[in-house]
N, C-alpha and C. Protein backbone atom coordinates (compact mmCIF):
# COMPACT_ATOMS: atom_id res chain seq x y z
N MET A 1 0.67 -1.07 -0.15
CA MET A 1 0.15 0.00 -0.30
C MET A 1 0.90 1.10 0.33
N LEU A 2 2.18 1.12 0.48
CA LEU A 2 3.05 2.47 1.14
C LEU A 2 3.61 2.83 -0.60
N ALA A 3 3.95 1.75 -1.44
CA ALA A 3 4.66 1.76 -2.54
C ALA A 3 3.74 2.68 -3.44
N SER A 4 2.24 2.14 -3.26
CA SER A 4 1.46 2.80 -4.30
C SER A 4 1.54 3.97 -3.82
N ALA A 5 1.10 4.55 -2.79
CA ALA A 5 0.55 5.64 -2.32
C ALA A 5 2.01 6.35 -2.59
N PHE A 6 3.03 5.83 -2.30
CA PHE A 6 4.24 6.84 -2.78
C PHE A 6 4.06 7.09 -4.37
N LEU A 7 4.13 5.94 -5.28
CA LEU A 7 3.81 6.08 -6.96
C LEU A 7 2.76 7.01 -7.29
N LEU A 8 1.53 7.13 -6.59
CA LEU A 8 0.88 8.05 -6.73
C LEU A 8 1.35 9.47 -6.12
N PHE A 9 1.56 9.64 -5.38
CA PHE A 9 2.18 11.05 -4.81
C PHE A 9 3.21 11.78 -6.23
N THR A 10 4.03 10.65 -6.46
CA THR A 10 5.41 10.83 -7.54
C THR A 10 5.08 11.52 -8.62
N ALA A 11 3.64 10.84 -8.99
CA ALA A 11 2.75 11.00 -10.11
C ALA A 11 2.25 12.07 -10.24
N GLN A 12 1.77 12.54 -8.92
CA GLN A 12 1.57 13.90 -8.72
C GLN A 12 1.96 15.05 -9.26
N LYS A 13 3.47 14.57 -8.75
CA LYS A 13 4.42 16.27 -8.74
C LYS A 13 5.31 15.79 -9.95
N CYS A 14 5.65 15.34 -10.31
CA CYS A 14 6.43 15.60 -11.22
C CYS A 14 5.90 15.05 -12.61
N GLY A 15 6.44 15.16 -14.00
CA GLY A 15 5.55 14.55 -14.87
C GLY A 15 5.43 15.49 -16.05
N SER A 16 4.97 15.27 -17.23
CA SER A 16 4.69 16.36 -18.69
C SER A 16 3.51 16.86 -18.41
N GLY A 17 2.95 16.48 -17.59
CA GLY A 17 1.70 17.57 -17.44
C GLY A 17 0.08 16.97 -18.79
N LYS A 18 0.79 16.39 -19.98
CA LYS A 18 0.10 15.36 -20.90
C LYS A 18 0.24 14.33 -20.68
N TYR A 19 -1.11 13.56 -21.67
CA TYR A 19 -1.80 12.74 -21.64
C TYR A 19 -0.88 11.59 -22.50
N GLU A 20 -0.26 10.64 -22.29
CA GLU A 20 0.51 9.57 -23.67
C GLU A 20 -0.06 8.70 -23.77
N TYR A 21 -1.28 8.51 -23.57
CA TYR A 21 -2.05 7.65 -24.02
C TYR A 21 -3.51 7.69 -25.10
N GLU A 22 -3.65 7.05 -25.59
CA GLU A 22 -4.81 7.56 -26.22
C GLU A 22 -5.94 6.76 -25.53
N PRO A 23 -7.57 7.83 -25.45
CA PRO A 23 -8.33 6.90 -24.76
C PRO A 23 -8.91 5.65 -25.01
N THR A 24 -8.99 5.22 -26.02
CA THR A 24 -9.06 3.22 -26.66
C THR A 24 -8.12 2.78 -25.77
N THR A 25 -6.84 3.32 -25.03
CA THR A 25 -6.31 2.57 -23.82
C THR A 25 -6.73 2.45 -22.27
N SER A 26 -7.44 1.55 -22.13
CA SER A 26 -8.24 1.61 -20.78
C SER A 26 -8.06 0.46 -20.17
N ILE A 27 -8.28 0.49 -18.53
CA ILE A 27 -8.13 -0.68 -17.87
C ILE A 27 -9.43 -0.66 -17.09
N GLU A 28 -9.86 -1.73 -16.25
CA GLU A 28 -11.13 -1.64 -15.94
C GLU A 28 -10.79 -3.35 -14.55
N ILE A 29 -11.07 -2.70 -13.70
CA ILE A 29 -10.72 -3.44 -12.60
C ILE A 29 -12.58 -3.74 -11.85
N ALA A 30 -12.77 -4.96 -11.63
CA ALA A 30 -14.28 -5.58 -10.92
C ALA A 30 -14.02 -5.93 -9.97
N LYS A 31 -14.47 -5.99 -8.90
CA LYS A 31 -14.34 -6.50 -7.78
C LYS A 31 -15.91 -7.44 -7.05
N THR A 32 -15.64 -8.46 -7.27
CA THR A 32 -17.26 -9.22 -6.75
C THR A 32 -17.27 -9.59 -5.34
N GLY A 33 -18.13 -9.24 -4.75
CA GLY A 33 -18.44 -10.17 -3.18
C GLY A 33 -18.17 -11.07 -2.82
N CYS A 34 -18.54 -11.94 -1.71
CA CYS A 34 -18.38 -12.87 -0.80
C CYS A 34 -18.99 -12.81 0.02
N PHE A 35 -19.01 -14.11 0.86
CA PHE A 35 -20.13 -14.22 1.92
C PHE A 35 -20.14 -13.18 2.98
N GLY A 36 -18.96 -12.76 3.17
CA GLY A 36 -18.82 -11.75 4.59
C GLY A 36 -19.16 -9.76 3.25
N GLN A 37 -18.42 -9.14 3.89
CA GLN A 37 -18.57 -7.82 3.59
C GLN A 37 -17.86 -7.06 2.58
N CYS A 38 -17.22 -7.81 1.93
CA CYS A 38 -15.85 -7.64 0.58
C CYS A 38 -16.89 -6.52 0.04
N PRO A 39 -15.74 -5.21 0.04
CA PRO A 39 -16.30 -4.21 -1.04
C PRO A 39 -16.45 -4.35 -2.58
N THR A 40 -17.63 -4.56 -3.18
CA THR A 40 -17.93 -4.91 -4.77
C THR A 40 -18.08 -3.36 -5.52
N TYR A 41 -16.94 -3.84 -6.39
CA TYR A 41 -17.09 -2.35 -7.70
C TYR A 41 -16.61 -2.58 -8.47
N VAL A 42 -17.04 -1.65 -9.63
CA VAL A 42 -15.85 -1.56 -11.17
C VAL A 42 -15.36 -0.67 -11.34
N PHE A 43 -14.61 -0.60 -11.68
CA PHE A 43 -14.01 1.18 -11.42
C PHE A 43 -13.22 0.55 -12.95
N SER A 44 -12.98 1.84 -13.98
CA SER A 44 -12.16 2.01 -14.98
C SER A 44 -11.60 3.11 -15.56
N LEU A 45 -10.69 3.22 -15.95
CA LEU A 45 -9.89 4.42 -16.28
C LEU A 45 -9.41 4.60 -18.14
N LYS A 46 -9.81 5.85 -19.00
CA LYS A 46 -8.92 5.86 -19.96
C LYS A 46 -7.61 6.41 -20.13
N GLY A 47 -7.10 6.16 -21.13
CA GLY A 47 -5.86 6.98 -21.19
C GLY A 47 -5.96 8.26 -21.49
N ASP A 48 -7.24 8.64 -21.55
CA ASP A 48 -7.42 10.50 -21.39
C ASP A 48 -7.89 11.09 -20.01
N GLY A 49 -7.74 9.58 -19.12
CA GLY A 49 -7.89 10.21 -17.54
C GLY A 49 -9.02 9.95 -17.29
N SER A 50 -10.15 10.01 -18.32
CA SER A 50 -11.68 9.90 -17.69
C SER A 50 -11.48 8.84 -16.99
N ALA A 51 -12.52 8.84 -16.53
CA ALA A 51 -12.78 7.56 -15.31
C ALA A 51 -14.11 7.69 -14.54
N THR A 52 -14.57 6.18 -14.17
CA THR A 52 -15.51 5.72 -13.74
C THR A 52 -15.94 5.03 -12.73
N PHE A 53 -16.73 5.21 -11.38
CA PHE A 53 -16.42 3.95 -10.30
C PHE A 53 -18.18 3.94 -10.12
N ASN A 54 -18.39 2.17 -10.38
CA ASN A 54 -19.81 2.04 -9.83
C ASN A 54 -19.42 1.25 -8.64
N GLY A 55 -19.93 1.89 -7.59
CA GLY A 55 -19.79 0.86 -6.16
C GLY A 55 -20.99 0.30 -5.74
N ARG A 56 -20.88 -0.76 -5.32
CA ARG A 56 -22.31 -1.68 -5.29
C ARG A 56 -22.72 -2.06 -4.13
N ARG A 57 -21.56 -2.66 -3.41
CA ARG A 57 -21.44 -3.51 -1.83
C ARG A 57 -20.61 -2.85 -1.22
N PHE A 58 -20.67 -2.37 -0.12
CA PHE A 58 -19.53 -2.50 1.18
C PHE A 58 -19.00 -1.42 0.73
N VAL A 59 -18.96 -0.45 -0.10
CA VAL A 59 -17.60 0.57 -0.39
C VAL A 59 -18.64 2.22 -0.61
N GLU A 60 -17.40 3.14 -0.30
CA GLU A 60 -17.92 4.32 -0.55
C GLU A 60 -17.03 4.75 -2.16
N PRO A 61 -17.91 5.79 -2.67
CA PRO A 61 -19.32 5.75 -2.64
C PRO A 61 -20.19 4.65 -3.35
N GLU A 62 -21.85 5.01 -3.41
CA GLU A 62 -22.17 3.43 -3.63
C GLU A 62 -22.85 4.37 -5.08
N GLY A 63 -23.28 3.66 -6.15
CA GLY A 63 -23.73 4.53 -7.56
C GLY A 63 -22.40 4.64 -8.58
N GLU A 64 -22.89 5.12 -9.66
CA GLU A 64 -21.88 5.76 -10.80
C GLU A 64 -21.42 7.23 -10.57
N HIS A 65 -20.53 7.09 -10.48
CA HIS A 65 -19.24 8.39 -10.41
C HIS A 65 -18.35 8.58 -11.64
N HIS A 66 -18.23 9.84 -12.11
CA HIS A 66 -17.50 10.15 -13.21
C HIS A 66 -16.41 11.45 -12.28
N ARG A 67 -15.13 11.51 -12.94
CA ARG A 67 -13.91 12.18 -12.94
C ARG A 67 -13.26 12.16 -13.86
N THR A 68 -12.35 13.14 -14.12
CA THR A 68 -11.13 12.70 -14.67
C THR A 68 -9.59 12.86 -13.27
N TYR A 69 -8.73 11.93 -13.94
CA TYR A 69 -7.74 11.75 -13.38
C TYR A 69 -6.32 13.27 -14.19
N SER A 70 -5.35 13.51 -13.62
CA SER A 70 -4.56 14.03 -14.03
C SER A 70 -3.42 13.28 -15.02
N ALA A 71 -2.95 13.82 -15.99
CA ALA A 71 -1.88 13.04 -16.86
C ALA A 71 -1.30 12.27 -16.56
N ASP A 72 -0.85 12.90 -15.43
CA ASP A 72 0.61 12.42 -14.70
C ASP A 72 -0.05 11.29 -13.54
N THR A 73 -1.12 10.78 -13.36
CA THR A 73 -1.52 10.02 -12.75
C THR A 73 -1.77 9.00 -13.55
N THR A 74 -2.23 9.66 -14.89
CA THR A 74 -3.15 8.40 -15.86
C THR A 74 -1.76 7.58 -16.52
N ASN A 75 -0.48 8.28 -17.00
CA ASN A 75 0.95 7.70 -17.67
C ASN A 75 1.05 6.82 -16.37
N MET A 76 1.07 7.24 -15.45
CA MET A 76 1.70 6.43 -14.09
C MET A 76 1.21 5.46 -14.47
N VAL A 77 -0.33 4.87 -14.06
CA VAL A 77 -0.84 3.94 -14.14
C VAL A 77 -0.64 3.07 -15.46
N PHE A 78 -0.81 3.71 -16.56
CA PHE A 78 -0.41 2.86 -17.96
C PHE A 78 0.74 2.76 -17.99
N SER A 79 1.90 3.70 -17.33
CA SER A 79 3.13 2.71 -18.07
C SER A 79 3.64 1.65 -17.35
N ARG A 80 2.89 2.05 -15.79
CA ARG A 80 2.71 0.47 -14.93
C ARG A 80 2.37 -0.87 -16.01
N LEU A 81 1.27 -0.72 -16.33
CA LEU A 81 0.42 -1.55 -17.00
C LEU A 81 1.06 -2.22 -18.10
N ILE A 82 1.79 -1.25 -18.65
CA ILE A 82 2.45 -1.34 -19.78
C ILE A 82 3.67 -2.39 -19.68
N GLU A 83 4.42 -2.16 -18.59
CA GLU A 83 5.91 -2.37 -17.80
C GLU A 83 5.74 -4.24 -17.36
N ALA A 84 4.34 -4.28 -16.69
CA ALA A 84 4.08 -5.98 -16.43
C ALA A 84 3.60 -6.48 -17.17
N ASP A 85 3.53 -6.38 -18.65
CA ASP A 85 3.30 -6.76 -19.46
C ASP A 85 1.72 -7.66 -19.01
N LEU A 86 0.61 -7.44 -18.96
CA LEU A 86 -0.16 -8.36 -18.63
C LEU A 86 -0.50 -9.69 -19.73
N TYR A 87 -0.18 -9.20 -20.69
CA TYR A 87 -0.54 -10.23 -21.59
C TYR A 87 0.54 -11.69 -21.96
N GLN A 88 1.14 -11.60 -20.96
CA GLN A 88 2.44 -12.64 -20.49
C GLN A 88 1.14 -13.59 -19.38
N TYR A 89 0.54 -13.43 -18.59
CA TYR A 89 -0.51 -13.61 -17.94
C TYR A 89 -1.08 -14.55 -18.07
N GLU A 90 -1.81 -15.31 -17.46
CA GLU A 90 -2.77 -16.85 -17.76
C GLU A 90 -4.32 -15.62 -17.51
N ARG A 91 -5.23 -16.54 -18.15
CA ARG A 91 -6.31 -15.82 -18.37
C ARG A 91 -7.25 -15.48 -17.03
N GLU A 92 -7.20 -17.01 -16.32
CA GLU A 92 -7.66 -17.49 -15.24
C GLU A 92 -6.81 -18.05 -14.15
N TYR A 93 -6.91 -17.06 -12.66
CA TYR A 93 -6.47 -17.88 -11.72
C TYR A 93 -7.31 -18.51 -10.56
N THR A 94 -7.58 -20.03 -10.46
CA THR A 94 -8.78 -20.16 -9.58
C THR A 94 -8.27 -21.32 -9.39
N ASP A 95 -8.92 -22.06 -7.85
CA ASP A 95 -8.59 -23.37 -7.27
C ASP A 95 -10.37 -23.54 -6.37
N ASN A 96 -9.58 -24.50 -5.93
CA ASN A 96 -11.30 -25.37 -5.34
C ASN A 96 -11.37 -25.00 -3.86
N VAL A 97 -11.59 -23.25 -3.70
CA VAL A 97 -11.27 -22.46 -2.65
C VAL A 97 -12.54 -21.66 -2.41
N THR A 98 -13.35 -21.98 -1.26
CA THR A 98 -14.19 -20.64 -1.37
C THR A 98 -14.80 -19.69 -0.28
N ASP A 99 -15.71 -18.98 -0.81
CA ASP A 99 -15.83 -17.67 -0.22
C ASP A 99 -14.31 -16.26 -0.32
N LEU A 100 -14.04 -16.09 -1.43
CA LEU A 100 -13.39 -15.48 -2.10
C LEU A 100 -13.82 -14.47 -2.99
N PRO A 101 -13.11 -13.36 -2.64
CA PRO A 101 -13.66 -12.29 -3.83
C PRO A 101 -13.39 -12.58 -5.13
N THR A 102 -13.51 -12.44 -6.33
CA THR A 102 -12.94 -12.33 -7.35
C THR A 102 -12.76 -11.52 -8.48
N THR A 103 -11.44 -10.96 -8.61
CA THR A 103 -10.76 -9.96 -9.09
C THR A 103 -11.05 -9.86 -10.77
N TYR A 104 -11.44 -8.84 -11.40
CA TYR A 104 -11.64 -9.20 -12.88
C TYR A 104 -10.54 -7.99 -13.82
N LEU A 105 -9.58 -8.02 -14.42
CA LEU A 105 -9.16 -6.87 -14.64
C LEU A 105 -9.43 -7.12 -16.44
N THR A 106 -9.38 -5.95 -16.89
CA THR A 106 -9.44 -6.00 -18.43
C THR A 106 -8.52 -4.39 -18.91
N PHE A 107 -7.46 -4.76 -19.89
CA PHE A 107 -6.37 -4.19 -20.28
C PHE A 107 -7.16 -3.79 -21.37
N GLU A 108 -6.91 -2.98 -22.51
CA GLU A 108 -6.89 -2.55 -23.77
C GLU A 108 -5.70 -1.71 -24.27
N HIS A 109 -5.13 -1.97 -25.03
CA HIS A 109 -4.43 -1.19 -25.10
C HIS A 109 -3.69 -1.13 -26.79
N GLU A 110 -3.49 -0.71 -27.66
CA GLU A 110 -3.34 -0.61 -29.25
C GLU A 110 -3.86 -1.94 -29.91
N GLY A 111 -4.85 -1.85 -29.96
CA GLY A 111 -5.99 -2.80 -30.34
C GLY A 111 -5.87 -4.20 -29.77
N LYS A 112 -5.72 -4.38 -28.70
CA LYS A 112 -5.06 -5.65 -27.93
C LYS A 112 -6.48 -5.73 -27.15
N GLN A 113 -6.91 -6.74 -26.68
CA GLN A 113 -7.64 -6.88 -25.17
C GLN A 113 -7.07 -8.26 -24.10
N LYS A 114 -7.05 -7.88 -23.21
CA LYS A 114 -6.02 -9.37 -22.27
C LYS A 114 -7.22 -9.29 -21.02
N LYS A 115 -8.05 -9.73 -20.63
CA LYS A 115 -8.76 -9.92 -19.67
C LYS A 115 -8.61 -11.07 -18.83
N ILE A 116 -8.37 -11.00 -17.16
CA ILE A 116 -7.50 -12.12 -16.21
C ILE A 116 -8.65 -11.94 -15.15
N LYS A 117 -9.04 -13.11 -14.79
CA LYS A 117 -9.79 -13.51 -13.27
C LYS A 117 -8.81 -13.91 -12.69
N LEU A 118 -8.66 -13.32 -11.00
CA LEU A 118 -8.47 -13.55 -10.22
C LEU A 118 -8.63 -13.99 -9.35
N TYR A 119 -8.32 -15.20 -8.67
CA TYR A 119 -9.72 -15.54 -7.45
C TYR A 119 -8.31 -16.18 -6.32
N TYR A 120 -8.04 -17.44 -7.12
CA TYR A 120 -6.72 -17.70 -6.00
C TYR A 120 -5.33 -18.42 -6.32
N GLY A 121 -4.43 -17.81 -5.88
CA GLY A 121 -3.07 -18.56 -6.63
C GLY A 121 -2.60 -17.52 -7.68
N TYR A 122 -3.18 -16.34 -7.29
CA TYR A 122 -2.37 -15.62 -8.97
C TYR A 122 -0.83 -15.24 -8.40
N PRO A 123 -0.12 -14.79 -9.45
CA PRO A 123 1.41 -14.51 -9.39
C PRO A 123 1.41 -12.78 -8.53
N GLU A 124 2.27 -12.72 -7.65
CA GLU A 124 2.64 -11.23 -6.50
C GLU A 124 2.73 -10.35 -7.51
N GLU A 125 3.19 -10.06 -8.52
CA GLU A 125 3.06 -8.91 -9.19
C GLU A 125 1.53 -8.32 -9.70
N LEU A 126 0.53 -9.69 -9.55
CA LEU A 126 -0.62 -9.02 -10.21
C LEU A 126 -1.28 -9.07 -8.56
N GLY A 127 -1.16 -9.21 -7.99
CA GLY A 127 -2.02 -8.79 -6.37
C GLY A 127 -1.24 -7.47 -6.56
N THR A 128 0.06 -7.11 -6.68
CA THR A 128 0.46 -6.03 -6.35
C THR A 128 -0.09 -5.00 -7.58
N ILE A 129 -0.71 -5.11 -8.85
CA ILE A 129 -0.97 -4.34 -9.63
C ILE A 129 -2.56 -3.73 -9.29
N VAL A 130 -3.08 -4.99 -8.77
CA VAL A 130 -4.77 -5.36 -8.28
C VAL A 130 -4.30 -3.92 -7.12
N GLU A 131 -3.63 -3.97 -6.27
CA GLU A 131 -3.87 -3.44 -5.16
C GLU A 131 -3.25 -1.60 -5.72
N GLN A 132 -2.36 -1.58 -6.41
CA GLN A 132 -2.08 -0.63 -7.03
C GLN A 132 -3.58 0.44 -7.71
N LEU A 133 -4.11 -0.71 -8.54
CA LEU A 133 -5.47 0.28 -8.77
C LEU A 133 -6.07 0.27 -8.08
N GLN A 134 -6.37 -0.14 -6.76
CA GLN A 134 -7.53 0.06 -5.99
C GLN A 134 -7.08 1.13 -5.16
N GLU A 135 -5.85 1.15 -4.81
CA GLU A 135 -5.36 2.38 -4.63
C GLU A 135 -5.86 4.02 -5.17
N VAL A 136 -5.58 3.90 -6.49
CA VAL A 136 -6.45 5.06 -7.07
C VAL A 136 -7.99 4.88 -7.28
N ALA A 137 -8.36 3.73 -7.74
CA ALA A 137 -9.89 4.01 -7.42
C ALA A 137 -10.88 4.34 -6.47
N LEU A 138 -9.88 3.85 -4.81
CA LEU A 138 -10.51 4.34 -3.78
C LEU A 138 -10.29 5.75 -3.25
N THR A 139 -9.83 6.40 -3.65
CA THR A 139 -9.26 7.75 -3.64
C THR A 139 -10.90 8.83 -3.35
N LYS A 140 -10.26 9.58 -1.81
CA LYS A 140 -11.49 10.53 -2.14
C LYS A 140 -12.13 11.68 -3.51
N GLY A 141 -13.19 11.86 -3.23
CA GLY A 141 -13.24 13.13 -4.67
C GLY A 141 -14.26 12.41 -5.45
N TRP A 142 -14.87 11.06 -5.79
CA TRP A 142 -15.73 10.90 -6.61
C TRP A 142 -17.04 11.69 -6.50
N MET A 143 -17.38 11.75 -5.09
CA MET A 143 -18.73 12.94 -5.30
C MET A 143 -18.60 13.89 -5.59
N GLU A 144 -17.48 14.98 -5.69
CA GLU A 144 -17.25 16.17 -6.43
C GLU A 144 -17.04 16.40 -7.77
N GLY A 145 -16.44 14.72 -8.34
CA GLY A 145 -16.09 14.48 -9.57
C GLY A 145 -14.28 15.25 -9.72
N LYS A 146 -13.61 15.36 -8.68
CA LYS A 146 -12.52 15.54 -8.77
C LYS A 146 -11.43 14.50 -8.73
N ALA A 147 -10.31 14.60 -9.40
CA ALA A 147 -9.23 13.74 -9.01
C ALA A 147 -8.67 13.92 -7.88
N PRO A 148 -7.56 13.20 -7.18
CA PRO A 148 -7.48 13.65 -6.03
C PRO A 148 -6.15 14.54 -5.61
N GLU A 149 -5.74 14.72 -6.62
CA GLU A 149 -4.40 15.63 -7.20
C GLU A 149 -5.04 17.04 -6.92
N GLU A 150 -6.35 17.48 -7.29
CA GLU A 150 -7.29 18.08 -6.75
C GLU A 150 -7.56 19.10 -5.66
N GLU A 151 -8.11 17.76 -4.95
CA GLU A 151 -7.96 18.14 -3.34
C GLU A 151 -7.11 18.50 -2.54
N LYS A 152 -7.52 19.83 -1.67
CA LYS A 152 -6.46 20.06 -0.76
C LYS A 152 -7.00 20.03 0.45
């Protein structure tokens, strides 16, 4: 968590200020429920910084909300995803285990799409990517439509 907070902070303080990715480049993280109080939501971010958060259960805010992230934050997220080469991973990581939330990652870039189902037994790097995306997704400002770097 600290590493991702540092990356988010660093992205806000330095960079070109220009979006380096097309709006067709996108990442979506969808978290499903469990038998307990697991946060359930869908977060998507496009290369132009436009983002949507749809909070379903056990997460704030609930409902659909939109905002735009800065170029620096957006570029940091997509640079990290491209560096991780999501295309190298299996489409599904699952096992005969019950009561875990499922995470779906859907990444689109340069006409290629990769969808990954993460339930159990996925590589640590994918877990880190999910944590970093959650850090961006669950920041304050959805109700106001502001990106986190705009809040003071």
